[in-house]
Amino acid sequence: MGRVRVSAGVRARAGVFTGGGLTAAGAGLGLGLAVGLAVAGVLLVAYCLLLMDVDGGSK
């Protein structure tokens, strides 16, 4: 079996989902649900901007 090859876009998605989930969960547990939801919203915006930068559309 060979290595699984993933593109930069897939690695970016996986990293942002994992980091964003951990950050939002930590903020939600430590500071309350409202702060956790606010952090999740900010991370969703950052995710969308990151994907625009990494994927760059089809060429």
N, C-alpha and C. Protein backbone atom coordinates (compact mmCIF):
# COMPACT_ATOMS: atom_id res chain seq x y z
N MET A 1 0.85 -1.18 0.00
CA MET A 1 0.00 0.00 0.00
C MET A 1 0.89 1.24 0.00
N GLY A 2 0.50 2.20 -0.80
CA GLY A 2 1.27 3.43 -0.90
C GLY A 2 0.75 4.50 0.03
N ARG A 3 1.42 5.61 -0.03
CA ARG A 3 1.01 6.75 0.79
C ARG A 3 -0.25 7.39 0.22
N VAL A 4 -1.02 7.94 1.10
CA VAL A 4 -2.20 8.68 0.68
C VAL A 4 -1.76 10.11 0.38
N ARG A 5 -2.03 10.56 -0.82
CA ARG A 5 -1.62 11.90 -1.21
C ARG A 5 -2.82 12.85 -1.09
N VAL A 6 -2.59 13.96 -0.43
CA VAL A 6 -3.64 14.95 -0.27
C VAL A 6 -3.11 16.30 -0.74
N SER A 7 -4.02 17.11 -1.23
CA SER A 7 -3.63 18.43 -1.73
C SER A 7 -3.50 19.42 -0.57
N ALA A 8 -2.96 20.57 -0.89
CA ALA A 8 -2.82 21.62 0.13
C ALA A 8 -4.19 22.07 0.64
N GLY A 9 -5.17 22.09 -0.22
CA GLY A 9 -6.52 22.48 0.20
C GLY A 9 -7.12 21.52 1.21
N VAL A 10 -6.90 20.23 1.01
CA VAL A 10 -7.42 19.22 1.94
C VAL A 10 -6.70 19.33 3.28
N ARG A 11 -5.38 19.52 3.25
CA ARG A 11 -4.64 19.69 4.51
C ARG A 11 -5.10 20.94 5.25
N ALA A 12 -5.37 22.01 4.50
CA ALA A 12 -5.83 23.24 5.14
C ALA A 12 -7.20 23.04 5.78
N ARG A 13 -8.10 22.36 5.07
CA ARG A 13 -9.42 22.09 5.63
C ARG A 13 -9.33 21.27 6.91
N ALA A 14 -8.53 20.21 6.87
CA ALA A 14 -8.41 19.34 8.04
C ALA A 14 -7.81 20.09 9.23
N GLY A 15 -6.79 20.89 8.97
CA GLY A 15 -6.16 21.65 10.05
C GLY A 15 -7.08 22.69 10.65
N VAL A 16 -7.82 23.38 9.79
CA VAL A 16 -8.71 24.42 10.30
C VAL A 16 -9.88 23.81 11.05
N PHE A 17 -10.44 22.70 10.53
CA PHE A 17 -11.54 22.05 11.25
C PHE A 17 -11.08 21.54 12.61
N THR A 18 -9.92 20.92 12.66
CA THR A 18 -9.42 20.38 13.92
C THR A 18 -9.09 21.48 14.91
N GLY A 19 -8.31 22.45 14.47
CA GLY A 19 -7.94 23.56 15.36
C GLY A 19 -9.13 24.40 15.77
N GLY A 20 -10.02 24.66 14.83
CA GLY A 20 -11.21 25.44 15.14
C GLY A 20 -12.13 24.73 16.11
N GLY A 21 -12.28 23.44 15.91
CA GLY A 21 -13.12 22.68 16.83
C GLY A 21 -12.55 22.65 18.24
N LEU A 22 -11.25 22.45 18.34
CA LEU A 22 -10.62 22.43 19.66
C LEU A 22 -10.69 23.81 20.34
N THR A 23 -10.47 24.86 19.57
CA THR A 23 -10.52 26.20 20.13
C THR A 23 -11.93 26.56 20.59
N ALA A 24 -12.91 26.28 19.75
CA ALA A 24 -14.29 26.59 20.12
C ALA A 24 -14.75 25.76 21.31
N ALA A 25 -14.36 24.49 21.35
CA ALA A 25 -14.74 23.65 22.49
C ALA A 25 -14.08 24.15 23.77
N GLY A 26 -12.81 24.52 23.68
CA GLY A 26 -12.13 25.04 24.87
C GLY A 26 -12.73 26.34 25.36
N ALA A 27 -13.05 27.23 24.43
CA ALA A 27 -13.67 28.50 24.84
C ALA A 27 -15.06 28.26 25.40
N GLY A 28 -15.80 27.32 24.79
CA GLY A 28 -17.14 27.01 25.29
C GLY A 28 -17.12 26.42 26.68
N LEU A 29 -16.16 25.55 26.94
CA LEU A 29 -16.08 24.93 28.27
C LEU A 29 -15.54 25.90 29.31
N GLY A 30 -14.56 26.70 28.94
CA GLY A 30 -13.91 27.57 29.91
C GLY A 30 -14.62 28.89 30.13
N LEU A 31 -15.21 29.43 29.11
CA LEU A 31 -15.77 30.78 29.21
C LEU A 31 -17.28 30.86 29.02
N GLY A 32 -17.90 29.79 28.60
CA GLY A 32 -19.34 29.80 28.43
C GLY A 32 -19.73 29.59 26.97
N LEU A 33 -20.98 29.24 26.78
CA LEU A 33 -21.48 28.90 25.45
C LEU A 33 -21.44 30.08 24.49
N ALA A 34 -21.77 31.26 24.95
CA ALA A 34 -21.80 32.43 24.05
C ALA A 34 -20.42 32.72 23.47
N VAL A 35 -19.40 32.64 24.30
CA VAL A 35 -18.03 32.89 23.83
C VAL A 35 -17.61 31.77 22.88
N GLY A 36 -17.98 30.54 23.17
CA GLY A 36 -17.66 29.43 22.29
C GLY A 36 -18.28 29.59 20.92
N LEU A 37 -19.53 30.05 20.86
CA LEU A 37 -20.17 30.28 19.57
C LEU A 37 -19.55 31.45 18.83
N ALA A 38 -19.15 32.48 19.53
CA ALA A 38 -18.50 33.62 18.89
C ALA A 38 -17.15 33.20 18.30
N VAL A 39 -16.39 32.41 19.04
CA VAL A 39 -15.11 31.92 18.55
C VAL A 39 -15.33 31.04 17.32
N ALA A 40 -16.32 30.18 17.36
CA ALA A 40 -16.62 29.32 16.22
C ALA A 40 -16.99 30.15 14.99
N GLY A 41 -17.74 31.23 15.18
CA GLY A 41 -18.10 32.10 14.05
C GLY A 41 -16.89 32.78 13.44
N VAL A 42 -16.00 33.27 14.28
CA VAL A 42 -14.78 33.92 13.79
C VAL A 42 -13.91 32.91 13.05
N LEU A 43 -13.81 31.71 13.58
CA LEU A 43 -13.01 30.68 12.92
C LEU A 43 -13.63 30.25 11.59
N LEU A 44 -14.94 30.26 11.49
CA LEU A 44 -15.58 29.94 10.22
C LEU A 44 -15.24 30.98 9.15
N VAL A 45 -15.23 32.24 9.52
CA VAL A 45 -14.83 33.30 8.59
C VAL A 45 -13.37 33.11 8.17
N ALA A 46 -12.50 32.82 9.14
CA ALA A 46 -11.09 32.60 8.82
C ALA A 46 -10.93 31.38 7.92
N TYR A 47 -11.73 30.36 8.13
CA TYR A 47 -11.70 29.16 7.29
C TYR A 47 -12.03 29.50 5.85
N CYS A 48 -13.09 30.27 5.66
CA CYS A 48 -13.50 30.63 4.30
C CYS A 48 -12.42 31.46 3.61
N LEU A 49 -11.81 32.39 4.32
CA LEU A 49 -10.75 33.20 3.73
C LEU A 49 -9.52 32.36 3.42
N LEU A 50 -9.18 31.41 4.29
CA LEU A 50 -8.03 30.54 4.06
C LEU A 50 -8.24 29.69 2.82
N LEU A 51 -9.44 29.15 2.64
CA LEU A 51 -9.69 28.32 1.48
C LEU A 51 -9.64 29.13 0.19
N MET A 52 -10.08 30.36 0.24
CA MET A 52 -9.97 31.22 -0.94
C MET A 52 -8.51 31.39 -1.32
N ASP A 53 -7.63 31.52 -0.30
CA ASP A 53 -6.21 31.73 -0.54
C ASP A 53 -5.51 30.45 -0.99
N VAL A 54 -5.85 29.32 -0.36
CA VAL A 54 -5.15 28.07 -0.65
C VAL A 54 -5.62 27.46 -1.97
N ASP A 55 -6.92 27.34 -2.17
CA ASP A 55 -7.43 26.68 -3.37
C ASP A 55 -7.23 27.58 -4.59
N GLY A 56 -7.57 28.82 -4.50
CA GLY A 56 -7.34 29.77 -5.58
C GLY A 56 -8.16 29.53 -6.83
N GLY A 57 -9.12 28.64 -6.78
CA GLY A 57 -9.96 28.38 -7.95
C GLY A 57 -9.27 27.44 -8.92
N SER A 58 -10.03 26.96 -9.89
CA SER A 58 -9.46 26.03 -10.89
C SER A 58 -8.74 26.82 -11.98
N LYS A 59 -7.63 26.25 -12.40
CA LYS A 59 -6.83 26.92 -13.44
C LYS A 59 -6.77 26.05 -14.68
